Amino acid sequence: MIPGCKEEISQILRFANKEKSPCLLGGSATQLAGSTRPHTHGIVFSTDRLNKLETFEDYNFFERGAGCIVLQLAQRLEELGYYLAAHLASRRIAS
């Protein structure tokens, strides 16, 4: 499943609860860390569409969705004159 908002997540979770189906959250699902390998049948969430990025410059604050790619975040912050110190090797795909 690739939800795009909290309402879609809620619908999926209601269905999963009704069917007693386990759910697993997978970031960008690259398997680089092996963390999104389900061990049972169930529903796997991808966060790809949860990539919203909001900046609140008046408060020096930003909020990102779970699927926001680190490289995109770093580029957007750089446009605003900020620097993201995280330099992950997988920053082109890591969320």
N, C-alpha and C. Protein backbone atom coordinates (compact mmCIF):
# COMPACT_ATOMS: atom_id res chain seq x y z
N MET A 1 0.84 -1.17 0.00
CA MET A 1 0.00 0.00 0.00
C MET A 1 0.90 1.24 0.00
N ILE A 2 0.44 2.24 -0.73
CA ILE A 2 1.21 3.49 -0.81
C ILE A 2 0.29 4.65 -0.46
N PRO A 3 0.02 4.86 0.84
CA PRO A 3 -0.88 5.94 1.23
C PRO A 3 -0.24 7.31 0.99
N GLY A 4 -1.12 8.30 0.76
CA GLY A 4 -0.63 9.66 0.52
C GLY A 4 -1.01 10.64 1.61
N CYS A 5 -1.81 10.20 2.58
CA CYS A 5 -2.24 11.09 3.65
C CYS A 5 -2.70 10.27 4.86
N LYS A 6 -2.89 10.95 5.96
CA LYS A 6 -3.27 10.25 7.19
C LYS A 6 -4.65 9.59 7.09
N GLU A 7 -5.54 10.16 6.28
CA GLU A 7 -6.86 9.56 6.11
C GLU A 7 -6.75 8.20 5.41
N GLU A 8 -5.89 8.11 4.41
CA GLU A 8 -5.69 6.83 3.72
C GLU A 8 -5.04 5.80 4.66
N ILE A 9 -4.12 6.25 5.48
CA ILE A 9 -3.49 5.36 6.47
C ILE A 9 -4.55 4.83 7.42
N SER A 10 -5.44 5.70 7.88
CA SER A 10 -6.51 5.29 8.79
C SER A 10 -7.42 4.24 8.16
N GLN A 11 -7.77 4.44 6.88
CA GLN A 11 -8.63 3.47 6.19
C GLN A 11 -7.94 2.11 6.10
N ILE A 12 -6.67 2.11 5.76
CA ILE A 12 -5.92 0.86 5.64
C ILE A 12 -5.82 0.16 6.99
N LEU A 13 -5.55 0.93 8.04
CA LEU A 13 -5.42 0.33 9.37
C LEU A 13 -6.76 -0.21 9.88
N ARG A 14 -7.86 0.48 9.56
CA ARG A 14 -9.17 -0.04 9.94
C ARG A 14 -9.43 -1.39 9.26
N PHE A 15 -9.11 -1.46 7.96
CA PHE A 15 -9.27 -2.71 7.22
C PHE A 15 -8.38 -3.80 7.81
N ALA A 16 -7.13 -3.46 8.08
CA ALA A 16 -6.19 -4.45 8.63
C ALA A 16 -6.67 -4.95 9.99
N ASN A 17 -7.18 -4.06 10.81
CA ASN A 17 -7.69 -4.44 12.13
C ASN A 17 -8.89 -5.37 11.99
N LYS A 18 -9.79 -5.03 11.07
CA LYS A 18 -10.98 -5.86 10.84
C LYS A 18 -10.58 -7.26 10.38
N GLU A 19 -9.59 -7.34 9.50
CA GLU A 19 -9.13 -8.61 8.95
C GLU A 19 -8.06 -9.29 9.81
N LYS A 20 -7.66 -8.61 10.89
CA LYS A 20 -6.60 -9.10 11.79
C LYS A 20 -5.31 -9.38 11.00
N SER A 21 -5.00 -8.46 10.11
CA SER A 21 -3.82 -8.56 9.26
C SER A 21 -2.70 -7.68 9.82
N PRO A 22 -1.49 -8.21 9.99
CA PRO A 22 -0.39 -7.39 10.49
C PRO A 22 0.06 -6.35 9.46
N CYS A 23 0.59 -5.24 9.95
CA CYS A 23 1.08 -4.17 9.09
C CYS A 23 2.56 -3.92 9.37
N LEU A 24 3.28 -3.56 8.31
CA LEU A 24 4.71 -3.26 8.42
C LEU A 24 4.98 -1.97 7.67
N LEU A 25 5.65 -1.04 8.31
CA LEU A 25 5.99 0.23 7.68
C LEU A 25 7.36 0.11 7.04
N GLY A 26 7.43 0.37 5.75
CA GLY A 26 8.70 0.34 5.03
C GLY A 26 8.99 1.71 4.48
N GLY A 27 10.16 2.25 4.80
CA GLY A 27 10.54 3.58 4.32
C GLY A 27 10.53 3.65 2.81
N SER A 28 11.68 3.80 2.19
CA SER A 28 11.73 3.84 0.73
C SER A 28 11.79 2.43 0.16
N ALA A 29 11.77 1.43 1.03
CA ALA A 29 11.69 0.02 0.65
C ALA A 29 12.82 -0.44 -0.26
N THR A 30 14.02 0.09 -0.01
CA THR A 30 15.17 -0.30 -0.83
C THR A 30 15.78 -1.61 -0.35
N GLN A 31 15.45 -2.02 0.86
CA GLN A 31 16.00 -3.23 1.48
C GLN A 31 17.47 -3.07 1.86
N LEU A 32 18.03 -1.86 1.78
CA LEU A 32 19.44 -1.67 2.13
C LEU A 32 19.71 -2.07 3.57
N ALA A 33 18.76 -1.81 4.44
CA ALA A 33 18.93 -2.17 5.85
C ALA A 33 18.24 -3.49 6.17
N GLY A 34 17.48 -4.02 5.24
CA GLY A 34 16.78 -5.28 5.48
C GLY A 34 15.62 -5.17 6.44
N SER A 35 15.22 -3.95 6.76
CA SER A 35 14.20 -3.75 7.79
C SER A 35 12.77 -3.90 7.27
N THR A 36 12.57 -3.95 5.97
CA THR A 36 11.20 -4.03 5.45
C THR A 36 10.86 -5.42 4.93
N ARG A 37 11.59 -6.41 5.38
CA ARG A 37 11.30 -7.79 4.97
C ARG A 37 10.28 -8.39 5.91
N PRO A 38 9.04 -8.53 5.46
CA PRO A 38 8.03 -9.11 6.35
C PRO A 38 8.28 -10.60 6.57
N HIS A 39 7.99 -11.06 7.77
CA HIS A 39 8.17 -12.47 8.11
C HIS A 39 6.85 -13.24 8.07
N THR A 40 5.75 -12.52 7.89
CA THR A 40 4.44 -13.13 7.77
C THR A 40 3.66 -12.40 6.67
N HIS A 41 2.55 -12.97 6.26
CA HIS A 41 1.69 -12.28 5.30
C HIS A 41 1.03 -11.11 5.99
N GLY A 42 0.83 -10.04 5.28
CA GLY A 42 0.18 -8.87 5.85
C GLY A 42 0.27 -7.71 4.88
N ILE A 43 0.15 -6.51 5.40
CA ILE A 43 0.16 -5.29 4.60
C ILE A 43 1.47 -4.56 4.84
N VAL A 44 2.15 -4.23 3.74
CA VAL A 44 3.39 -3.44 3.83
C VAL A 44 3.07 -2.04 3.33
N PHE A 45 3.38 -1.04 4.15
CA PHE A 45 3.19 0.35 3.79
C PHE A 45 4.47 0.89 3.17
N SER A 46 4.34 1.64 2.11
CA SER A 46 5.46 2.41 1.56
C SER A 46 5.19 3.87 1.91
N THR A 47 6.22 4.60 2.24
CA THR A 47 6.04 6.01 2.60
C THR A 47 6.34 6.95 1.43
N ASP A 48 6.50 6.40 0.23
CA ASP A 48 6.89 7.21 -0.94
C ASP A 48 6.02 8.44 -1.16
N ARG A 49 4.72 8.32 -0.99
CA ARG A 49 3.82 9.46 -1.25
C ARG A 49 3.71 10.41 -0.06
N LEU A 50 4.28 10.04 1.07
CA LEU A 50 4.23 10.90 2.26
C LEU A 50 5.49 11.78 2.26
N ASN A 51 5.66 12.56 1.20
CA ASN A 51 6.92 13.29 1.00
C ASN A 51 6.77 14.80 1.12
N LYS A 52 5.77 15.25 1.80
CA LYS A 52 5.52 16.68 1.97
C LYS A 52 6.63 17.32 2.83
N LEU A 53 7.04 18.50 2.44
CA LEU A 53 8.05 19.25 3.20
C LEU A 53 7.54 20.66 3.39
N GLU A 54 7.45 21.08 4.63
CA GLU A 54 7.02 22.44 4.95
C GLU A 54 8.12 23.12 5.75
N THR A 55 8.41 24.35 5.40
CA THR A 55 9.39 25.12 6.16
C THR A 55 8.69 26.32 6.81
N PHE A 56 9.08 26.59 8.02
CA PHE A 56 8.53 27.71 8.78
C PHE A 56 9.72 28.59 9.17
N GLU A 57 10.12 29.45 8.22
CA GLU A 57 11.34 30.23 8.40
C GLU A 57 11.27 31.18 9.59
N ASP A 58 10.09 31.68 9.90
CA ASP A 58 9.96 32.60 11.04
C ASP A 58 10.36 31.92 12.34
N TYR A 59 10.26 30.59 12.38
CA TYR A 59 10.55 29.83 13.60
C TYR A 59 11.79 28.95 13.45
N ASN A 60 12.50 29.06 12.30
CA ASN A 60 13.66 28.20 12.02
C ASN A 60 13.31 26.73 12.24
N PHE A 61 12.26 26.32 11.58
CA PHE A 61 11.69 25.00 11.81
C PHE A 61 11.24 24.41 10.49
N PHE A 62 11.36 23.12 10.33
CA PHE A 62 10.78 22.46 9.17
C PHE A 62 10.10 21.17 9.61
N GLU A 63 9.14 20.75 8.82
CA GLU A 63 8.42 19.51 9.09
C GLU A 63 8.39 18.71 7.80
N ARG A 64 8.74 17.44 7.89
CA ARG A 64 8.78 16.62 6.69
C ARG A 64 7.95 15.37 6.87
N GLY A 65 7.43 14.86 5.76
CA GLY A 65 6.69 13.62 5.78
C GLY A 65 7.65 12.44 5.88
N ALA A 66 7.12 11.30 6.25
CA ALA A 66 7.95 10.10 6.44
C ALA A 66 8.63 9.64 5.16
N GLY A 67 8.11 10.03 4.00
CA GLY A 67 8.70 9.60 2.73
C GLY A 67 9.58 10.64 2.07
N CYS A 68 9.83 11.75 2.75
CA CYS A 68 10.67 12.80 2.19
C CYS A 68 12.11 12.30 2.09
N ILE A 69 12.67 12.33 0.90
CA ILE A 69 14.02 11.84 0.66
C ILE A 69 15.04 12.82 1.24
N VAL A 70 16.06 12.30 1.90
CA VAL A 70 17.05 13.12 2.60
C VAL A 70 17.72 14.12 1.64
N LEU A 71 18.06 13.68 0.44
CA LEU A 71 18.71 14.58 -0.52
C LEU A 71 17.80 15.74 -0.89
N GLN A 72 16.51 15.47 -1.11
CA GLN A 72 15.56 16.54 -1.43
C GLN A 72 15.44 17.52 -0.26
N LEU A 73 15.43 16.98 0.94
CA LEU A 73 15.37 17.83 2.13
C LEU A 73 16.60 18.72 2.20
N ALA A 74 17.79 18.14 2.00
CA ALA A 74 19.04 18.91 2.07
C ALA A 74 19.06 20.00 1.01
N GLN A 75 18.61 19.69 -0.21
CA GLN A 75 18.59 20.68 -1.29
C GLN A 75 17.63 21.82 -0.99
N ARG A 76 16.45 21.49 -0.47
CA ARG A 76 15.47 22.54 -0.14
C ARG A 76 15.99 23.44 0.97
N LEU A 77 16.60 22.84 1.98
CA LEU A 77 17.13 23.65 3.08
C LEU A 77 18.30 24.52 2.61
N GLU A 78 19.10 23.98 1.69
CA GLU A 78 20.22 24.76 1.14
C GLU A 78 19.71 25.98 0.38
N GLU A 79 18.61 25.82 -0.36
CA GLU A 79 17.99 26.95 -1.07
C GLU A 79 17.61 28.06 -0.10
N LEU A 80 17.26 27.68 1.12
CA LEU A 80 16.85 28.65 2.13
C LEU A 80 18.03 29.16 2.96
N GLY A 81 19.24 28.66 2.66
CA GLY A 81 20.42 29.12 3.37
C GLY A 81 20.80 28.30 4.58
N TYR A 82 20.23 27.10 4.71
CA TYR A 82 20.53 26.23 5.84
C TYR A 82 21.35 25.04 5.37
N TYR A 83 21.91 24.32 6.32
CA TYR A 83 22.76 23.17 6.01
C TYR A 83 22.28 21.97 6.83
N LEU A 84 22.04 20.86 6.15
CA LEU A 84 21.65 19.62 6.83
C LEU A 84 22.91 18.80 7.04
N ALA A 85 23.26 18.57 8.28
CA ALA A 85 24.54 17.92 8.60
C ALA A 85 24.56 16.42 8.29
N ALA A 86 23.43 15.81 8.06
CA ALA A 86 23.40 14.37 7.78
C ALA A 86 23.92 14.09 6.38
N HIS A 87 24.99 13.30 6.29
CA HIS A 87 25.56 12.93 4.99
C HIS A 87 25.55 11.41 4.87
N LEU A 88 24.36 10.87 4.71
CA LEU A 88 24.21 9.43 4.56
C LEU A 88 24.67 9.00 3.18
N ALA A 89 25.29 7.85 3.08
CA ALA A 89 25.69 7.33 1.77
C ALA A 89 24.47 7.09 0.90
N SER A 90 23.35 6.78 1.52
CA SER A 90 22.12 6.48 0.79
C SER A 90 21.18 7.67 0.71
N ARG A 91 21.69 8.88 0.85
CA ARG A 91 20.82 10.06 0.93
C ARG A 91 19.98 10.31 -0.32
N ARG A 92 20.36 9.70 -1.47
CA ARG A 92 19.56 9.86 -2.69
C ARG A 92 18.25 9.07 -2.60
N ILE A 93 18.20 8.07 -1.73
CA ILE A 93 17.01 7.23 -1.63
C ILE A 93 16.48 7.10 -0.20
N ALA A 94 17.28 7.46 0.78
CA ALA A 94 16.87 7.31 2.18
C ALA A 94 15.77 8.30 2.53
N SER A 95 14.81 7.82 3.32
CA SER A 95 13.73 8.70 3.75
C SER A 95 13.80 8.90 5.25
